[in-house]
């Protein structure tokens, strides 16, 4: 008997009609940035000679992903986002900034994660994922024990998982999930460690809207050595 797929953790995949330039980039640029559509994906093979591979799960409009790629040209940023308007926005950033170290999976991040090897990533970012505010929808939230276990599998020892949300009950859930995963270590020592964004964080327009019910909460955890 086949295992049923995980519940969908994202909402709509398209909103307004794409602008002509965005539509053109979807046709011309995106195909060259996609990782292999089937079979195992080797992070080291995405761009030969780079120091390591990072992943952003649900990159929204791509502002943070593009800025991190620009700041770290020796790192490949592997982004996953099912919302087509967000993908189109990210392509515009990539094109305008002349980035060569970004790869994009325009679909469910979990499908791609399942095809990545153990300990192949240096960082994973999950910034302000869909909060699914209603209690009956909490089961659709991305950050779950299964997701944490998969992230721990993918990160190299010493690698980092960075989570952020501006919904208080989701922050509580994230913390419970992280602390329950034995391969992660949270080294927070003072309130500023979760109340203030990490020094290398790049704010986005979505983050600035403060659509949640609390100030942003940050959880930056480290993959323990095996």
C-alpha atoms as a PDB file:
ATOM      1  CA  UNK A   1       0.000   0.000   0.000  1.00  0.00           C
ATOM      2  CA  UNK A   2       1.439   3.362  -1.036  1.00  0.00           C
ATOM      3  CA  UNK A   3       2.053   6.035   1.600  1.00  0.00           C
ATOM      4  CA  UNK A   4      -0.287   8.992   0.995  1.00  0.00           C
ATOM      5  CA  UNK A   5       1.421  12.265   0.085  1.00  0.00           C
ATOM      6  CA  UNK A   6       1.781  14.895   2.832  1.00  0.00           C
ATOM      7  CA  UNK A   7      -0.991  17.435   3.189  1.00  0.00           C
ATOM      8  CA  UNK A   8      -0.563  20.512   1.048  1.00  0.00           C
ATOM      9  CA  UNK A   9       1.209  23.163   3.146  1.00  0.00           C
ATOM     10  CA  UNK A  10       0.615  26.110   0.821  1.00  0.00           C
ATOM     11  CA  UNK A  11      -2.434  27.901  -0.541  1.00  0.00           C
ATOM     12  CA  UNK A  12      -3.004  29.220  -4.034  1.00  0.00           C
ATOM     13  CA  UNK A  13      -0.272  28.826  -6.637  1.00  0.00           C
ATOM     14  CA  UNK A  14      -1.197  31.852  -8.764  1.00  0.00           C
ATOM     15  CA  UNK A  15      -2.847  35.231  -8.245  1.00  0.00           C
ATOM     16  CA  UNK A  16      -2.701  38.118 -10.705  1.00  0.00           C
ATOM     17  CA  UNK A  17      -1.668  37.731 -14.330  1.00  0.00           C
ATOM     18  CA  UNK A  18       2.085  37.863 -14.819  1.00  0.00           C
ATOM     19  CA  UNK A  19       3.582  40.976 -16.359  1.00  0.00           C
ATOM     20  CA  UNK A  20       5.033  40.458 -19.840  1.00  0.00           C
ATOM     21  CA  UNK A  21       8.633  40.534 -18.616  1.00  0.00           C
ATOM     22  CA  UNK A  22       7.896  38.065 -15.828  1.00  0.00           C
ATOM     23  CA  UNK A  23       6.099  35.741 -18.213  1.00  0.00           C
ATOM     24  CA  UNK A  24       9.080  35.919 -20.556  1.00  0.00           C
ATOM     25  CA  UNK A  25      11.523  35.027 -17.758  1.00  0.00           C
ATOM     26  CA  UNK A  26       9.355  32.046 -16.837  1.00  0.00           C
ATOM     27  CA  UNK A  27       9.794  30.801 -20.382  1.00  0.00           C
ATOM     28  CA  UNK A  28      13.448  31.710 -20.972  1.00  0.00           C
ATOM     29  CA  UNK A  29      15.299  31.824 -17.632  1.00  0.00           C
ATOM     30  CA  UNK A  30      13.485  29.370 -15.371  1.00  0.00           C
ATOM     31  CA  UNK A  31      14.216  26.214 -17.421  1.00  0.00           C
ATOM     32  CA  UNK A  32      17.959  26.819 -17.079  1.00  0.00           C
ATOM     33  CA  UNK A  33      17.680  27.190 -13.284  1.00  0.00           C
ATOM     34  CA  UNK A  34      15.605  24.116 -12.487  1.00  0.00           C
ATOM     35  CA  UNK A  35      17.326  21.150 -10.825  1.00  0.00           C
ATOM     36  CA  UNK A  36      16.693  17.747 -12.427  1.00  0.00           C
ATOM     37  CA  UNK A  37      12.976  16.978 -12.514  1.00  0.00           C
ATOM     38  CA  UNK A  38      13.393  13.318 -11.529  1.00  0.00           C
ATOM     39  CA  UNK A  39      15.802  11.115  -9.635  1.00  0.00           C
ATOM     40  CA  UNK A  40      18.468  12.024  -7.074  1.00  0.00           C
ATOM     41  CA  UNK A  41      19.737  15.607  -7.023  1.00  0.00           C
ATOM     42  CA  UNK A  42      23.423  16.113  -6.219  1.00  0.00           C
ATOM     43  CA  UNK A  43      23.893  19.529  -4.548  1.00  0.00           C
ATOM     44  CA  UNK A  44      27.571  19.564  -5.473  1.00  0.00           C
ATOM     45  CA  UNK A  45      26.637  19.147  -9.120  1.00  0.00           C
ATOM     46  CA  UNK A  46      24.296  22.130  -9.267  1.00  0.00           C
ATOM     47  CA  UNK A  47      27.246  24.468  -9.794  1.00  0.00           C
ATOM     48  CA  UNK A  48      30.742  22.953  -9.799  1.00  0.00           C
ATOM     49  CA  UNK A  49      33.364  24.580  -7.626  1.00  0.00           C
ATOM     50  CA  UNK A  50      31.096  26.195  -5.041  1.00  0.00           C
ATOM     51  CA  UNK A  51      31.783  25.968  -1.315  1.00  0.00           C
ATOM     52  CA  UNK A  52      28.415  24.527  -0.277  1.00  0.00           C
ATOM     53  CA  UNK A  53      24.682  24.497  -1.004  1.00  0.00           C
ATOM     54  CA  UNK A  54      21.968  26.281   0.970  1.00  0.00           C
ATOM     55  CA  UNK A  55      18.218  25.896   0.590  1.00  0.00           C
ATOM     56  CA  UNK A  56      15.347  28.319   1.104  1.00  0.00           C
ATOM     57  CA  UNK A  57      11.987  26.609   1.540  1.00  0.00           C
ATOM     58  CA  UNK A  58       9.186  28.890   0.372  1.00  0.00           C
ATOM     59  CA  UNK A  59      11.150  31.923  -0.821  1.00  0.00           C
ATOM     60  CA  UNK A  60       8.108  34.134  -1.445  1.00  0.00           C
ATOM     61  CA  UNK A  61       9.113  36.907  -3.817  1.00  0.00           C
ATOM     62  CA  UNK A  62      12.759  35.877  -3.742  1.00  0.00           C
ATOM     63  CA  UNK A  63      14.199  39.011  -2.119  1.00  0.00           C
ATOM     64  CA  UNK A  64      15.974  37.191   0.705  1.00  0.00           C
ATOM     65  CA  UNK A  65      17.181  34.379  -1.539  1.00  0.00           C
ATOM     66  CA  UNK A  66      18.628  36.778  -4.122  1.00  0.00           C
ATOM     67  CA  UNK A  67      20.342  38.907  -1.481  1.00  0.00           C
ATOM     68  CA  UNK A  68      21.932  35.859   0.148  1.00  0.00           C
ATOM     69  CA  UNK A  69      23.113  34.636  -3.255  1.00  0.00           C
ATOM     70  CA  UNK A  70      24.645  38.019  -4.028  1.00  0.00           C
ATOM     71  CA  UNK A  71      26.395  38.137  -0.644  1.00  0.00           C
ATOM     72  CA  UNK A  72      27.735  34.575  -0.990  1.00  0.00           C
ATOM     73  CA  UNK A  73      28.795  33.975  -4.602  1.00  0.00           C
ATOM     74  CA  UNK A  74      30.662  30.826  -3.535  1.00  0.00           C
ATOM     75  CA  UNK A  75      27.396  29.212  -2.347  1.00  0.00           C
ATOM     76  CA  UNK A  76      24.558  27.793  -4.459  1.00  0.00           C
ATOM     77  CA  UNK A  77      21.148  28.811  -3.157  1.00  0.00           C
ATOM     78  CA  UNK A  78      18.518  26.191  -3.944  1.00  0.00           C
ATOM     79  CA  UNK A  79      15.068  27.761  -3.637  1.00  0.00           C
ATOM     80  CA  UNK A  80      11.672  26.064  -3.636  1.00  0.00           C
ATOM     81  CA  UNK A  81       8.381  27.918  -4.079  1.00  0.00           C
ATOM     82  CA  UNK A  82       5.041  26.691  -5.498  1.00  0.00           C
ATOM     83  CA  UNK A  83       3.489  30.190  -5.887  1.00  0.00           C
ATOM     84  CA  UNK A  84       4.081  31.081  -9.527  1.00  0.00           C
ATOM     85  CA  UNK A  85       3.885  34.838  -9.005  1.00  0.00           C
ATOM     86  CA  UNK A  86       6.613  34.505  -6.374  1.00  0.00           C
ATOM     87  CA  UNK A  87       8.752  32.465  -8.757  1.00  0.00           C
ATOM     88  CA  UNK A  88       8.334  35.135 -11.414  1.00  0.00           C
ATOM     89  CA  UNK A  89       9.336  37.837  -8.932  1.00  0.00           C
ATOM     90  CA  UNK A  90      12.426  35.863  -7.926  1.00  0.00           C
ATOM     91  CA  UNK A  91      13.421  35.463 -11.571  1.00  0.00           C
ATOM     92  CA  UNK A  92      13.312  39.227 -11.982  1.00  0.00           C
ATOM     93  CA  UNK A  93      15.672  39.682  -9.025  1.00  0.00           C
ATOM     94  CA  UNK A  94      18.010  37.008 -10.373  1.00  0.00           C
ATOM     95  CA  UNK A  95      18.037  38.564 -13.832  1.00  0.00           C
ATOM     96  CA  UNK A  96      18.524  42.150 -12.647  1.00  0.00           C
ATOM     97  CA  UNK A  97      21.323  41.177 -10.232  1.00  0.00           C
ATOM     98  CA  UNK A  98      23.047  38.904 -12.719  1.00  0.00           C
ATOM     99  CA  UNK A  99      23.076  35.997 -10.282  1.00  0.00           C
ATOM    100  CA  UNK A 100      24.506  32.675 -11.427  1.00  0.00           C
ATOM    101  CA  UNK A 101      24.354  30.769  -8.136  1.00  0.00           C
ATOM    102  CA  UNK A 102      20.593  30.284  -7.715  1.00  0.00           C
ATOM    103  CA  UNK A 103      18.595  27.189  -8.662  1.00  0.00           C
ATOM    104  CA  UNK A 104      14.788  27.107  -8.484  1.00  0.00           C
ATOM    105  CA  UNK A 105      12.295  24.314  -7.901  1.00  0.00           C
ATOM    106  CA  UNK A 106       8.865  25.726  -8.760  1.00  0.00           C
ATOM    107  CA  UNK A 107       6.869  23.283  -6.662  1.00  0.00           C
ATOM    108  CA  UNK A 108       6.531  21.715  -3.224  1.00  0.00           C
ATOM    109  CA  UNK A 109       9.874  21.850  -1.416  1.00  0.00           C
ATOM    110  CA  UNK A 110       9.269  18.456   0.163  1.00  0.00           C
ATOM    111  CA  UNK A 111       9.279  16.781  -3.251  1.00  0.00           C
ATOM    112  CA  UNK A 112      12.780  18.132  -3.883  1.00  0.00           C
ATOM    113  CA  UNK A 113      14.039  17.502  -0.351  1.00  0.00           C
ATOM    114  CA  UNK A 114      13.190  13.816  -0.697  1.00  0.00           C
ATOM    115  CA  UNK A 115      15.613  13.593  -3.633  1.00  0.00           C
ATOM    116  CA  UNK A 116      18.544  15.312  -1.917  1.00  0.00           C
ATOM    117  CA  UNK A 117      21.286  13.255  -0.217  1.00  0.00           C
ATOM    118  CA  UNK A 118      22.101  13.054   3.462  1.00  0.00           C
ATOM    119  CA  UNK A 119      24.257  15.899   4.830  1.00  0.00           C
ATOM    120  CA  UNK A 120      24.314  17.739   1.500  1.00  0.00           C
ATOM    121  CA  UNK A 121      23.226  21.193   2.711  1.00  0.00           C
ATOM    122  CA  UNK A 122      24.937  23.824   4.823  1.00  0.00           C
ATOM    123  CA  UNK A 123      21.841  25.884   5.670  1.00  0.00           C
ATOM    124  CA  UNK A 124      18.080  25.673   5.358  1.00  0.00           C
ATOM    125  CA  UNK A 125      15.891  28.777   5.647  1.00  0.00           C
ATOM    126  CA  UNK A 126      12.147  28.595   6.399  1.00  0.00           C
ATOM    127  CA  UNK A 127      11.085  32.216   6.794  1.00  0.00           C
ATOM    128  CA  UNK A 128       7.494  33.127   7.561  1.00  0.00           C
ATOM    129  CA  UNK A 129       5.789  30.030   6.135  1.00  0.00           C
ATOM    130  CA  UNK A 130       2.022  29.992   5.652  1.00  0.00           C
ATOM    131  CA  UNK A 131       0.668  30.106   9.249  1.00  0.00           C
ATOM    132  CA  UNK A 132      -2.646  28.352   8.574  1.00  0.00           C
ATOM    133  CA  UNK A 133      -4.164  30.320  11.449  1.00  0.00           C
ATOM    134  CA  UNK A 134      -7.377  28.341  11.985  1.00  0.00           C
ATOM    135  CA  UNK A 135      -6.964  25.463  14.412  1.00  0.00           C
ATOM    136  CA  UNK A 136      -8.509  22.970  12.022  1.00  0.00           C
ATOM    137  CA  UNK A 137      -5.816  23.864   9.477  1.00  0.00           C
ATOM    138  CA  UNK A 138      -2.796  23.538  11.782  1.00  0.00           C
ATOM    139  CA  UNK A 139      -2.190  20.058  10.391  1.00  0.00           C
ATOM    140  CA  UNK A 140      -1.192  21.729   7.124  1.00  0.00           C
ATOM    141  CA  UNK A 141       1.647  23.701   8.663  1.00  0.00           C
ATOM    142  CA  UNK A 142       4.983  22.963   7.056  1.00  0.00           C
ATOM    143  CA  UNK A 143       7.075  22.808  10.217  1.00  0.00           C
ATOM    144  CA  UNK A 144       6.224  19.432  11.714  1.00  0.00           C
ATOM    145  CA  UNK A 145       8.182  16.557  13.269  1.00  0.00           C
ATOM    146  CA  UNK A 146       8.474  14.948   9.824  1.00  0.00           C
ATOM    147  CA  UNK A 147       9.830  18.165   8.315  1.00  0.00           C
ATOM    148  CA  UNK A 148      12.332  18.628  11.153  1.00  0.00           C
ATOM    149  CA  UNK A 149      13.566  15.066  10.725  1.00  0.00           C
ATOM    150  CA  UNK A 150      14.023  15.605   7.000  1.00  0.00           C
ATOM    151  CA  UNK A 151      15.875  18.888   7.572  1.00  0.00           C
ATOM    152  CA  UNK A 152      18.172  17.169  10.064  1.00  0.00           C
ATOM    153  CA  UNK A 153      18.884  14.463   7.504  1.00  0.00           C
ATOM    154  CA  UNK A 154      19.784  16.982   4.834  1.00  0.00           C
ATOM    155  CA  UNK A 155      22.026  19.253   6.895  1.00  0.00           C
ATOM    156  CA  UNK A 156      25.685  18.492   7.395  1.00  0.00           C
ATOM    157  CA  UNK A 157      26.944  18.411  11.003  1.00  0.00           C
ATOM    158  CA  UNK A 158      27.263  22.035  12.060  1.00  0.00           C
ATOM    159  CA  UNK A 159      24.738  23.133   9.438  1.00  0.00           C
ATOM    160  CA  UNK A 160      21.949  25.514  10.413  1.00  0.00           C
ATOM    161  CA  UNK A 161      18.172  25.504  10.171  1.00  0.00           C
ATOM    162  CA  UNK A 162      16.692  28.999  10.469  1.00  0.00           C
ATOM    163  CA  UNK A 163      12.973  29.336  11.191  1.00  0.00           C
ATOM    164  CA  UNK A 164      10.960  32.532  11.538  1.00  0.00           C
ATOM    165  CA  UNK A 165       7.288  33.355  12.059  1.00  0.00           C
ATOM    166  CA  UNK A 166       5.163  36.253  13.285  1.00  0.00           C
ATOM    167  CA  UNK A 167       2.367  34.052  14.647  1.00  0.00           C
ATOM    168  CA  UNK A 168       2.739  33.262  18.349  1.00  0.00           C
ATOM    169  CA  UNK A 169       1.185  29.796  18.371  1.00  0.00           C
ATOM    170  CA  UNK A 170       3.234  28.775  15.313  1.00  0.00           C
ATOM    171  CA  UNK A 171       6.378  29.984  17.082  1.00  0.00           C
ATOM    172  CA  UNK A 172       5.460  27.738  20.005  1.00  0.00           C
ATOM    173  CA  UNK A 173       4.905  24.821  17.632  1.00  0.00           C
ATOM    174  CA  UNK A 174       8.222  25.430  15.879  1.00  0.00           C
ATOM    175  CA  UNK A 175      10.055  25.452  19.191  1.00  0.00           C
ATOM    176  CA  UNK A 176       8.407  22.218  20.337  1.00  0.00           C
ATOM    177  CA  UNK A 177       9.269  20.538  17.044  1.00  0.00           C
ATOM    178  CA  UNK A 178      12.890  21.696  17.077  1.00  0.00           C
ATOM    179  CA  UNK A 179      13.503  20.713  20.692  1.00  0.00           C
ATOM    180  CA  UNK A 180      11.973  17.279  20.068  1.00  0.00           C
ATOM    181  CA  UNK A 181      14.389  16.542  17.209  1.00  0.00           C
ATOM    182  CA  UNK A 182      17.524  15.140  18.906  1.00  0.00           C
ATOM    183  CA  UNK A 183      19.812  16.025  16.013  1.00  0.00           C
ATOM    184  CA  UNK A 184      19.221  19.764  16.524  1.00  0.00           C
ATOM    185  CA  UNK A 185      20.719  22.023  19.160  1.00  0.00           C
ATOM    186  CA  UNK A 186      19.331  25.464  20.036  1.00  0.00           C
ATOM    187  CA  UNK A 187      21.996  27.660  21.606  1.00  0.00           C
ATOM    188  CA  UNK A 188      19.851  30.653  22.551  1.00  0.00           C
ATOM    189  CA  UNK A 189      21.067  32.305  25.752  1.00  0.00           C
ATOM    190  CA  UNK A 190      19.055  35.532  25.962  1.00  0.00           C
ATOM    191  CA  UNK A 191      15.754  36.910  24.700  1.00  0.00           C
ATOM    192  CA  UNK A 192      17.459  38.824  21.896  1.00  0.00           C
ATOM    193  CA  UNK A 193      18.461  35.475  20.367  1.00  0.00           C
ATOM    194  CA  UNK A 194      14.870  34.867  19.331  1.00  0.00           C
ATOM    195  CA  UNK A 195      13.496  38.415  19.321  1.00  0.00           C
ATOM    196  CA  UNK A 196      16.110  39.930  17.014  1.00  0.00           C
ATOM    197  CA  UNK A 197      16.852  38.806  13.476  1.00  0.00           C
ATOM    198  CA  UNK A 198      20.273  37.200  12.925  1.00  0.00           C
ATOM    199  CA  UNK A 199      22.937  39.625  11.753  1.00  0.00           C
ATOM    200  CA  UNK A 200      22.991  38.225   8.222  1.00  0.00           C
ATOM    201  CA  UNK A 201      19.218  38.249   7.739  1.00  0.00           C
ATOM    202  CA  UNK A 202      17.834  40.255   4.821  1.00  0.00           C
ATOM    203  CA  UNK A 203      14.385  41.781   5.538  1.00  0.00           C
ATOM    204  CA  UNK A 204      11.673  41.485   2.894  1.00  0.00           C
ATOM    205  CA  UNK A 205       8.588  43.483   2.007  1.00  0.00           C
ATOM    206  CA  UNK A 206       6.342  40.687   3.297  1.00  0.00           C
ATOM    207  CA  UNK A 207       8.123  40.680   6.650  1.00  0.00           C
ATOM    208  CA  UNK A 208       7.726  44.465   6.946  1.00  0.00           C
ATOM    209  CA  UNK A 209       3.933  44.173   6.624  1.00  0.00           C
ATOM    210  CA  UNK A 210       3.725  42.508  10.070  1.00  0.00           C
ATOM    211  CA  UNK A 211       0.650  40.484   9.155  1.00  0.00           C
ATOM    212  CA  UNK A 212       0.904  38.150  12.153  1.00  0.00           C
ATOM    213  CA  UNK A 213      -0.195  38.543  15.751  1.00  0.00           C
ATOM    214  CA  UNK A 214       3.264  39.027  17.292  1.00  0.00           C
ATOM    215  CA  UNK A 215       6.699  40.414  16.557  1.00  0.00           C
ATOM    216  CA  UNK A 216       8.861  38.042  14.505  1.00  0.00           C
ATOM    217  CA  UNK A 217      10.300  35.082  16.414  1.00  0.00           C
ATOM    218  CA  UNK A 218      13.597  33.573  15.217  1.00  0.00           C
ATOM    219  CA  UNK A 219      14.854  30.044  15.827  1.00  0.00           C
ATOM    220  CA  UNK A 220      18.358  29.364  14.553  1.00  0.00           C
ATOM    221  CA  UNK A 221      19.339  25.781  15.350  1.00  0.00           C
ATOM    222  CA  UNK A 222      22.478  23.770  14.656  1.00  0.00           C
ATOM    223  CA  UNK A 223      22.734  20.225  13.358  1.00  0.00           C
ATOM    224  CA  UNK A 224      24.596  18.176  15.967  1.00  0.00           C
ATOM    225  CA  UNK A 225      27.492  15.926  14.962  1.00  0.00           C
ATOM    226  CA  UNK A 226      26.459  12.324  14.406  1.00  0.00           C
END
